[in-house]
Structures are given as C-alpha cells and as structure tokens.
Amino acid sequence: MYRRVSALSTLLAVLIVLAGCAIPHVPSRIVYEDPVNYVRLEEDQTVLPEWPQGHFSHPVVLEKELMRTILSSLKVQEYRIAPQRWLQGEAPLVAVFTEEELALLSAQLTEGLAQAQYNERVTFYLSQPLTFMRRTITSGGIYVRGNELHLLLGNWRIIYGVPSYGMIYDRRYPMRPTAAKGFNLFFEPADAVIAQESSFVDDLFANTKDELVIDLSKVQIADPVPSSRSSSMF
C-alpha cells in the first residue's frame, strides 16, 4: 500500500512540474504557412471589448505596394556601447528583409490586416534551417490604430537552438525576443516615425528601438525599380 501511494505521489509531482513548464496557448488564426514560415493573427488580451478607445483599426485595407514600401524602408543597426563606438564607430544600417522576404510579407501581412479583428495583431515568423536543431529566425508583429502602424521586431537573424528538453518558444511567441537584442530599428524617412517614450531599463538593454510607430499619412509608395533588362527604343 505504501509503495502504491508513493508511486501515485511521484506521478502527481511529475504532472505538476510538467503543467508548470507547459507553454501557454496563444489564440491565433493562420493567414499563411509553409514548412518554415508563417503569418498569423494573434489575440491581444490587453485589448478589452468594453474599451473601444483601445481597439485596433482592424480589419483595415492597405495597398500591397504600401506595405512593401514600409517593409523595405526598415533598417537595423548593430547596437554598440560607447567604447565600441569610440573604437569602431557607428555600425552601418542594414535592410531588415531580403527581396524574397519582402515578396512574402508584403502580400501576407496585407492579407492579415484585411482579416484581423479589433483585438488581433498580425505576427510573422521567418526561418532558415541551419541544422536539425538550429535555425536563423526573424519575427515580429504589426497592428494599425487610427492612422498609425505599429511594428515590433522581436528577432532579427537570431540563431536559435532548440533546447535539449524540446520546448520550442520561438514559433510560439514571434513578438518576443529569444535572446538579448543587439540591434536598433530605424525607418526611412525618419520624419514618418512618431516618437515614443522609453525608460532607463529599455536604454540599458537596447530595447528602445525595436518597435516603431509609423504615421501612414507620411509614407509615399516607392516607385518600382526599373528592370535592368529593359532597354530604350530610342
């Protein structure tokens, strides 16, 4: 009898530990998914039905060309502390997305915003496998409130290794960093960015410039780049 009670107690303890370690479920709807990437709609539980002032302006229709212009105008810069800047100078600005990523996201984020409800953000996850247990990820999310587009870059070309115990957090939480952020996020032109207040802690951990609020009225759709194969008739 003692052994049976002991075994049941051990089983109960294991179940409690597993429950405590379980990854919370994030209510979501898939907009696009392939074996390594996705765009989905996630509920934001901080948006309350009884407080309309906090609702997102969803669904909202944006032109795909406008979304591509916004995404292609995003730049990242490696975060360097003062001694690094003295020795190496400022890091160069680098485009956040590749051409292939721009083609995917400009279409699917636009579709996501058109499907989203007042309490849903559009999140994205881009992955390039390196090995069976390691991959490079870029992820984040957007939402629109009024004439402002909010964009957060949770990860940018971060190498993520799946832990030995198998819990996978990067795909569950695309807007959360999987490691300390080592970059600042910028948008060009800068006058389209609405300044946000930040705390000392955000400054200390380089989290002040991973989220941007963009004034959509100040974004002009970029002219298409002419093909190098085209030639003049004259």
C-alpha atoms as a PDB file:
ATOM      1  CA  MET A   1       0.000   0.000   0.000  1.00  0.00           C
ATOM      2  CA  TYR A   2       2.841   2.363   0.876  1.00  0.00           C
ATOM      3  CA  ARG A   3       4.520   1.718  -2.481  1.00  0.00           C
ATOM      4  CA  ARG A   4       1.263   2.438  -4.329  1.00  0.00           C
ATOM      5  CA  VAL A   5       0.788   5.755  -2.508  1.00  0.00           C
ATOM      6  CA  SER A   6       4.413   6.649  -3.101  1.00  0.00           C
ATOM      7  CA  ALA A   7       4.090   5.912  -6.820  1.00  0.00           C
ATOM      8  CA  LEU A   8       0.918   7.991  -7.055  1.00  0.00           C
ATOM      9  CA  SER A   9       2.603  10.855  -5.212  1.00  0.00           C
ATOM     10  CA  THR A  10       5.562  10.708  -7.579  1.00  0.00           C
ATOM     11  CA  LEU A  11       3.262  10.699 -10.621  1.00  0.00           C
ATOM     12  CA  LEU A  12       1.310  13.662  -9.235  1.00  0.00           C
ATOM     13  CA  ALA A  13       4.522  15.602  -8.621  1.00  0.00           C
ATOM     14  CA  VAL A  14       5.686  14.937 -12.181  1.00  0.00           C
ATOM     15  CA  LEU A  15       2.357  16.107 -13.601  1.00  0.00           C
ATOM     16  CA  ILE A  16       2.525  19.307 -11.555  1.00  0.00           C
ATOM     17  CA  VAL A  17       6.039  20.037 -12.815  1.00  0.00           C
ATOM     18  CA  LEU A  18       5.015  19.381 -16.404  1.00  0.00           C
ATOM     19  CA  ALA A  19       1.976  21.623 -16.034  1.00  0.00           C
ATOM     20  CA  GLY A  20       4.160  24.382 -14.657  1.00  0.00           C
ATOM     21  CA  CYS A  21       6.554  24.071 -17.580  1.00  0.00           C
ATOM     22  CA  ALA A  22       3.845  23.893 -20.226  1.00  0.00           C
ATOM     23  CA  ILE A  23       3.918  26.586 -22.880  1.00  0.00           C
ATOM     24  CA  PRO A  24       0.813  28.791 -22.587  1.00  0.00           C
ATOM     25  CA  HIS A  25      -1.509  28.610 -25.562  1.00  0.00           C
ATOM     26  CA  VAL A  26      -1.693  31.692 -27.768  1.00  0.00           C
ATOM     27  CA  PRO A  27      -5.098  32.007 -29.509  1.00  0.00           C
ATOM     28  CA  SER A  28      -4.316  32.514 -33.183  1.00  0.00           C
ATOM     29  CA  ARG A  29      -5.506  32.050 -36.761  1.00  0.00           C
ATOM     30  CA  ILE A  30      -3.229  31.165 -39.659  1.00  0.00           C
ATOM     31  CA  VAL A  31      -3.105  33.536 -42.635  1.00  0.00           C
ATOM     32  CA  TYR A  32      -0.171  31.845 -44.383  1.00  0.00           C
ATOM     33  CA  GLU A  33       2.057  28.912 -43.506  1.00  0.00           C
ATOM     34  CA  ASP A  34       4.743  26.859 -45.208  1.00  0.00           C
ATOM     35  CA  PRO A  35       7.254  24.423 -43.670  1.00  0.00           C
ATOM     36  CA  VAL A  36       9.478  27.194 -42.252  1.00  0.00           C
ATOM     37  CA  ASN A  37       7.490  30.474 -42.265  1.00  0.00           C
ATOM     38  CA  TYR A  38       4.108  31.741 -41.177  1.00  0.00           C
ATOM     39  CA  VAL A  39       1.906  34.816 -40.874  1.00  0.00           C
ATOM     40  CA  ARG A  40      -0.917  34.570 -38.374  1.00  0.00           C
ATOM     41  CA  LEU A  41      -3.435  36.579 -36.358  1.00  0.00           C
ATOM     42  CA  GLU A  42      -2.934  36.592 -32.588  1.00  0.00           C
ATOM     43  CA  GLU A  43      -5.364  37.821 -29.976  1.00  0.00           C
ATOM     44  CA  ASP A  44      -4.056  40.680 -27.848  1.00  0.00           C
ATOM     45  CA  GLN A  45      -5.586  40.102 -24.426  1.00  0.00           C
ATOM     46  CA  THR A  46      -4.805  43.677 -23.369  1.00  0.00           C
ATOM     47  CA  VAL A  47      -7.400  44.954 -25.875  1.00  0.00           C
ATOM     48  CA  LEU A  48     -10.675  44.975 -23.966  1.00  0.00           C
ATOM     49  CA  PRO A  49     -14.112  44.787 -25.662  1.00  0.00           C
ATOM     50  CA  GLU A  50     -15.548  47.358 -23.264  1.00  0.00           C
ATOM     51  CA  TRP A  51     -12.892  49.984 -24.052  1.00  0.00           C
ATOM     52  CA  PRO A  52     -13.284  50.967 -27.744  1.00  0.00           C
ATOM     53  CA  GLN A  53     -10.553  53.619 -27.492  1.00  0.00           C
ATOM     54  CA  GLY A  54      -8.011  50.810 -27.214  1.00  0.00           C
ATOM     55  CA  HIS A  55      -9.289  48.782 -30.168  1.00  0.00           C
ATOM     56  CA  PHE A  56      -7.152  48.274 -33.238  1.00  0.00           C
ATOM     57  CA  SER A  57      -8.485  49.704 -36.506  1.00  0.00           C
ATOM     58  CA  HIS A  58      -8.976  46.230 -37.915  1.00  0.00           C
ATOM     59  CA  PRO A  59      -9.880  44.995 -40.391  1.00  0.00           C
ATOM     60  CA  VAL A  60      -8.035  47.559 -42.476  1.00  0.00           C
ATOM     61  CA  VAL A  61      -7.218  47.565 -46.186  1.00  0.00           C
ATOM     62  CA  LEU A  62      -3.734  48.707 -47.172  1.00  0.00           C
ATOM     63  CA  GLU A  63      -2.215  48.505 -50.625  1.00  0.00           C
ATOM     64  CA  LYS A  64       0.341  45.761 -51.035  1.00  0.00           C
ATOM     65  CA  GLU A  65       2.722  48.298 -52.600  1.00  0.00           C
ATOM     66  CA  LEU A  66       2.400  50.489 -49.495  1.00  0.00           C
ATOM     67  CA  MET A  67       3.221  47.537 -47.236  1.00  0.00           C
ATOM     68  CA  ARG A  68       6.241  46.691 -49.371  1.00  0.00           C
ATOM     69  CA  THR A  69       7.418  50.316 -49.162  1.00  0.00           C
ATOM     70  CA  ILE A  70       7.104  50.245 -45.371  1.00  0.00           C
ATOM     71  CA  LEU A  71       8.934  46.948 -45.001  1.00  0.00           C
ATOM     72  CA  SER A  72      11.715  47.908 -47.417  1.00  0.00           C
ATOM     73  CA  SER A  73      12.202  51.194 -45.511  1.00  0.00           C
ATOM     74  CA  LEU A  74      13.055  49.361 -42.286  1.00  0.00           C
ATOM     75  CA  LYS A  75      16.730  49.247 -41.320  1.00  0.00           C
ATOM     76  CA  VAL A  76      18.599  47.700 -38.422  1.00  0.00           C
ATOM     77  CA  GLN A  77      21.842  48.818 -36.865  1.00  0.00           C
ATOM     78  CA  GLU A  78      24.020  46.734 -34.569  1.00  0.00           C
ATOM     79  CA  TYR A  79      23.858  48.113 -31.043  1.00  0.00           C
ATOM     80  CA  ARG A  80      27.258  49.229 -29.786  1.00  0.00           C
ATOM     81  CA  ILE A  81      28.100  50.559 -26.365  1.00  0.00           C
ATOM     82  CA  ALA A  82      30.153  53.742 -26.039  1.00  0.00           C
ATOM     83  CA  PRO A  83      33.635  52.090 -26.000  1.00  0.00           C
ATOM     84  CA  GLN A  84      32.755  50.147 -29.148  1.00  0.00           C
ATOM     85  CA  ARG A  85      31.611  53.318 -30.884  1.00  0.00           C
ATOM     86  CA  TRP A  86      34.850  55.077 -29.920  1.00  0.00           C
ATOM     87  CA  LEU A  87      36.939  52.253 -31.405  1.00  0.00           C
ATOM     88  CA  GLN A  88      34.786  51.126 -34.332  1.00  0.00           C
ATOM     89  CA  GLY A  89      32.417  53.993 -34.992  1.00  0.00           C
ATOM     90  CA  GLU A  90      28.721  53.539 -35.644  1.00  0.00           C
ATOM     91  CA  ALA A  91      27.587  50.285 -37.244  1.00  0.00           C
ATOM     92  CA  PRO A  92      26.132  50.538 -40.760  1.00  0.00           C
ATOM     93  CA  LEU A  93      22.409  50.433 -41.419  1.00  0.00           C
ATOM     94  CA  VAL A  94      21.254  47.150 -42.947  1.00  0.00           C
ATOM     95  CA  ALA A  95      17.927  46.292 -44.601  1.00  0.00           C
ATOM     96  CA  VAL A  96      15.740  44.171 -42.324  1.00  0.00           C
ATOM     97  CA  PHE A  97      14.278  41.960 -45.055  1.00  0.00           C
ATOM     98  CA  THR A  98      15.626  40.287 -48.172  1.00  0.00           C
ATOM     99  CA  GLU A  99      13.825  40.557 -51.513  1.00  0.00           C
ATOM    100  CA  GLU A 100      12.286  37.116 -51.021  1.00  0.00           C
ATOM    101  CA  GLU A 101      11.050  38.061 -47.559  1.00  0.00           C
ATOM    102  CA  LEU A 102       9.620  41.336 -48.865  1.00  0.00           C
ATOM    103  CA  ALA A 103       7.662  39.482 -51.554  1.00  0.00           C
ATOM    104  CA  LEU A 104       6.187  37.088 -48.984  1.00  0.00           C
ATOM    105  CA  LEU A 105       5.422  39.578 -46.222  1.00  0.00           C
ATOM    106  CA  SER A 106       4.075  42.433 -48.333  1.00  0.00           C
ATOM    107  CA  ALA A 107       1.334  40.136 -49.618  1.00  0.00           C
ATOM    108  CA  GLN A 108       0.602  38.152 -46.465  1.00  0.00           C
ATOM    109  CA  LEU A 109       0.740  40.990 -43.911  1.00  0.00           C
ATOM    110  CA  THR A 110      -1.647  42.983 -46.112  1.00  0.00           C
ATOM    111  CA  GLU A 111      -3.990  39.993 -46.208  1.00  0.00           C
ATOM    112  CA  GLY A 112      -3.647  39.577 -42.455  1.00  0.00           C
ATOM    113  CA  LEU A 113      -4.657  43.172 -41.737  1.00  0.00           C
ATOM    114  CA  ALA A 114      -7.686  42.746 -44.002  1.00  0.00           C
ATOM    115  CA  GLN A 115      -8.790  39.679 -41.986  1.00  0.00           C
ATOM    116  CA  ALA A 116      -7.852  40.872 -38.480  1.00  0.00           C
ATOM    117  CA  GLN A 117     -10.410  41.753 -35.823  1.00  0.00           C
ATOM    118  CA  TYR A 118     -10.240  44.706 -33.415  1.00  0.00           C
ATOM    119  CA  ASN A 119      -8.219  42.664 -30.877  1.00  0.00           C
ATOM    120  CA  GLU A 120      -5.870  40.772 -33.216  1.00  0.00           C
ATOM    121  CA  ARG A 121      -2.293  41.583 -34.202  1.00  0.00           C
ATOM    122  CA  VAL A 122      -0.680  40.251 -37.356  1.00  0.00           C
ATOM    123  CA  THR A 123       2.505  38.373 -36.492  1.00  0.00           C
ATOM    124  CA  PHE A 124       5.161  36.861 -38.720  1.00  0.00           C
ATOM    125  CA  TYR A 125       7.881  34.258 -38.376  1.00  0.00           C
ATOM    126  CA  LEU A 126      10.623  33.669 -40.941  1.00  0.00           C
ATOM    127  CA  SER A 127      13.067  30.809 -40.530  1.00  0.00           C
ATOM    128  CA  GLN A 128      16.097  29.448 -42.347  1.00  0.00           C
ATOM    129  CA  PRO A 129      17.183  25.999 -41.066  1.00  0.00           C
ATOM    130  CA  LEU A 130      20.901  25.623 -40.344  1.00  0.00           C
ATOM    131  CA  THR A 131      20.887  22.136 -38.827  1.00  0.00           C
ATOM    132  CA  PHE A 132      18.234  19.832 -37.405  1.00  0.00           C
ATOM    133  CA  MET A 133      18.349  21.696 -34.080  1.00  0.00           C
ATOM    134  CA  ARG A 134      19.392  25.202 -35.145  1.00  0.00           C
ATOM    135  CA  ARG A 135      17.843  27.868 -37.326  1.00  0.00           C
ATOM    136  CA  THR A 136      18.095  31.582 -38.117  1.00  0.00           C
ATOM    137  CA  ILE A 137      14.895  33.438 -37.309  1.00  0.00           C
ATOM    138  CA  THR A 138      13.361  36.852 -37.933  1.00  0.00           C
ATOM    139  CA  SER A 139      10.000  37.542 -36.335  1.00  0.00           C
ATOM    140  CA  GLY A 140       7.683  40.272 -35.116  1.00  0.00           C
ATOM    141  CA  GLY A 141       4.236  41.740 -35.499  1.00  0.00           C
ATOM    142  CA  ILE A 142       2.172  44.721 -36.618  1.00  0.00           C
ATOM    143  CA  TYR A 143      -1.158  46.371 -35.938  1.00  0.00           C
ATOM    144  CA  VAL A 144      -2.904  49.564 -37.001  1.00  0.00           C
ATOM    145  CA  ARG A 145      -4.603  52.048 -34.706  1.00  0.00           C
ATOM    146  CA  GLY A 146      -6.076  55.066 -36.447  1.00  0.00           C
ATOM    147  CA  ASN A 147      -3.501  56.349 -38.906  1.00  0.00           C
ATOM    148  CA  GLU A 148      -0.593  54.744 -37.058  1.00  0.00           C
ATOM    149  CA  LEU A 149       1.059  51.469 -37.962  1.00  0.00           C
ATOM    150  CA  HIS A 150       2.821  49.850 -35.006  1.00  0.00           C
ATOM    151  CA  LEU A 151       5.629  47.440 -35.864  1.00  0.00           C
ATOM    152  CA  LEU A 152       7.718  45.411 -33.433  1.00  0.00           C
ATOM    153  CA  LEU A 153      10.729  43.358 -34.479  1.00  0.00           C
ATOM    154  CA  GLY A 154      11.099  40.610 -31.898  1.00  0.00           C
ATOM    155  CA  ASN A 155      14.052  38.838 -33.518  1.00  0.00           C
ATOM    156  CA  TRP A 156      16.328  39.649 -36.424  1.00  0.00           C
ATOM    157  CA  ARG A 157      18.529  36.928 -37.902  1.00  0.00           C
ATOM    158  CA  ILE A 158      18.920  35.323 -34.484  1.00  0.00           C
ATOM    159  CA  ILE A 159      20.405  31.832 -34.387  1.00  0.00           C
ATOM    160  CA  TYR A 160      18.031  29.773 -32.278  1.00  0.00           C
ATOM    161  CA  GLY A 161      18.945  26.361 -30.934  1.00  0.00           C
ATOM    162  CA  VAL A 162      16.099  24.094 -29.828  1.00  0.00           C
ATOM    163  CA  PRO A 163      16.766  23.194 -26.154  1.00  0.00           C
ATOM    164  CA  SER A 164      17.532  19.576 -25.289  1.00  0.00           C
ATOM    165  CA  TYR A 165      14.221  19.302 -23.410  1.00  0.00           C
ATOM    166  CA  GLY A 166      12.452  20.116 -26.678  1.00  0.00           C
ATOM    167  CA  MET A 167      10.383  23.184 -25.766  1.00  0.00           C
ATOM    168  CA  ILE A 168      10.115  25.498 -28.754  1.00  0.00           C
ATOM    169  CA  TYR A 169       9.380  29.099 -27.808  1.00  0.00           C
ATOM    170  CA  ASP A 170      10.431  30.988 -30.935  1.00  0.00           C
ATOM    171  CA  ARG A 171       7.487  29.825 -33.056  1.00  0.00           C
ATOM    172  CA  ARG A 172       5.001  30.284 -30.200  1.00  0.00           C
ATOM    173  CA  TYR A 173       5.908  33.893 -29.410  1.00  0.00           C
ATOM    174  CA  PRO A 174       7.092  35.705 -32.560  1.00  0.00           C
ATOM    175  CA  MET A 175       6.944  39.152 -30.933  1.00  0.00           C
ATOM    176  CA  ARG A 176       9.153  38.157 -28.004  1.00  0.00           C
ATOM    177  CA  PRO A 177      12.965  38.079 -28.257  1.00  0.00           C
ATOM    178  CA  THR A 178      14.605  34.684 -27.868  1.00  0.00           C
ATOM    179  CA  ALA A 179      17.877  36.359 -26.829  1.00  0.00           C
ATOM    180  CA  ALA A 180      19.111  39.776 -25.761  1.00  0.00           C
ATOM    181  CA  LYS A 181      18.530  42.208 -28.597  1.00  0.00           C
ATOM    182  CA  GLY A 182      21.666  43.580 -30.163  1.00  0.00           C
ATOM    183  CA  PHE A 183      20.126  45.939 -32.686  1.00  0.00           C
ATOM    184  CA  ASN A 184      18.240  49.196 -33.101  1.00  0.00           C
ATOM    185  CA  LEU A 185      15.391  49.538 -35.592  1.00  0.00           C
ATOM    186  CA  PHE A 186      15.018  52.546 -37.895  1.00  0.00           C
ATOM    187  CA  PHE A 187      12.655  53.726 -40.604  1.00  0.00           C
ATOM    188  CA  GLU A 188      13.432  55.987 -43.535  1.00  0.00           C
ATOM    189  CA  PRO A 189      12.279  58.722 -43.844  1.00  0.00           C
ATOM    190  CA  ALA A 190      12.685  59.409 -40.120  1.00  0.00           C
ATOM    191  CA  ASP A 191      10.019  62.134 -40.074  1.00  0.00           C
ATOM    192  CA  ALA A 192       7.353  59.449 -40.623  1.00  0.00           C
ATOM    193  CA  VAL A 193       8.198  57.924 -37.225  1.00  0.00           C
ATOM    194  CA  ILE A 194       6.154  59.013 -34.196  1.00  0.00           C
ATOM    195  CA  ALA A 195       8.497  59.297 -31.208  1.00  0.00           C
ATOM    196  CA  GLN A 196       7.766  57.097 -28.182  1.00  0.00           C
ATOM    197  CA  GLU A 197       8.934  57.489 -24.600  1.00  0.00           C
ATOM    198  CA  SER A 198      11.365  54.911 -23.190  1.00  0.00           C
ATOM    199  CA  SER A 199      12.711  54.047 -19.752  1.00  0.00           C
ATOM    200  CA  PHE A 200      16.270  53.793 -18.445  1.00  0.00           C
ATOM    201  CA  VAL A 201      15.947  49.997 -18.382  1.00  0.00           C
ATOM    202  CA  ASP A 202      14.979  49.977 -22.061  1.00  0.00           C
ATOM    203  CA  ASP A 203      18.027  52.112 -22.849  1.00  0.00           C
ATOM    204  CA  LEU A 204      20.280  49.813 -20.835  1.00  0.00           C
ATOM    205  CA  PHE A 205      19.167  46.647 -22.635  1.00  0.00           C
ATOM    206  CA  ALA A 206      18.932  48.192 -26.124  1.00  0.00           C
ATOM    207  CA  ASN A 207      15.160  47.758 -26.251  1.00  0.00           C
ATOM    208  CA  THR A 208      14.306  51.352 -27.094  1.00  0.00           C
ATOM    209  CA  LYS A 209      14.389  50.941 -30.844  1.00  0.00           C
ATOM    210  CA  ASP A 210      12.867  47.542 -31.572  1.00  0.00           C
ATOM    211  CA  GLU A 211       9.387  48.991 -32.015  1.00  0.00           C
ATOM    212  CA  LEU A 212       8.312  51.764 -34.340  1.00  0.00           C
ATOM    213  CA  VAL A 213       5.113  53.749 -34.720  1.00  0.00           C
ATOM    214  CA  ILE A 214       4.771  54.965 -38.312  1.00  0.00           C
ATOM    215  CA  ASP A 215       2.491  57.757 -39.496  1.00  0.00           C
ATOM    216  CA  LEU A 216       0.869  56.243 -42.577  1.00  0.00           C
ATOM    217  CA  SER A 217      -0.007  59.672 -43.961  1.00  0.00           C
ATOM    218  CA  LYS A 218       3.718  60.414 -44.329  1.00  0.00           C
ATOM    219  CA  VAL A 219       4.628  57.249 -46.251  1.00  0.00           C
ATOM    220  CA  GLN A 220       4.833  57.570 -50.012  1.00  0.00           C
ATOM    221  CA  ILE A 221       4.680  54.440 -52.148  1.00  0.00           C
ATOM    222  CA  ALA A 222       8.083  53.884 -53.676  1.00  0.00           C
ATOM    223  CA  ASP A 223       8.364  53.873 -57.457  1.00  0.00           C
ATOM    224  CA  PRO A 224       9.098  50.411 -58.850  1.00  0.00           C
ATOM    225  CA  VAL A 225      12.744  49.784 -59.651  1.00  0.00           C
ATOM    226  CA  PRO A 226      13.144  49.508 -63.449  1.00  0.00           C
ATOM    227  CA  SER A 227      14.374  46.160 -64.709  1.00  0.00           C
ATOM    228  CA  SER A 228      17.976  46.091 -65.869  1.00  0.00           C
ATOM    229  CA  ARG A 229      16.852  44.082 -68.873  1.00  0.00           C
ATOM    230  CA  SER A 230      14.586  46.821 -70.166  1.00  0.00           C
ATOM    231  CA  SER A 231      16.037  48.994 -72.909  1.00  0.00           C
ATOM    232  CA  SER A 232      15.069  52.239 -74.558  1.00  0.00           C
ATOM    233  CA  MET A 233      13.643  52.242 -78.064  1.00  0.00           C
ATOM    234  CA  PHE A 234      15.481  55.463 -78.927  1.00  0.00           C
END
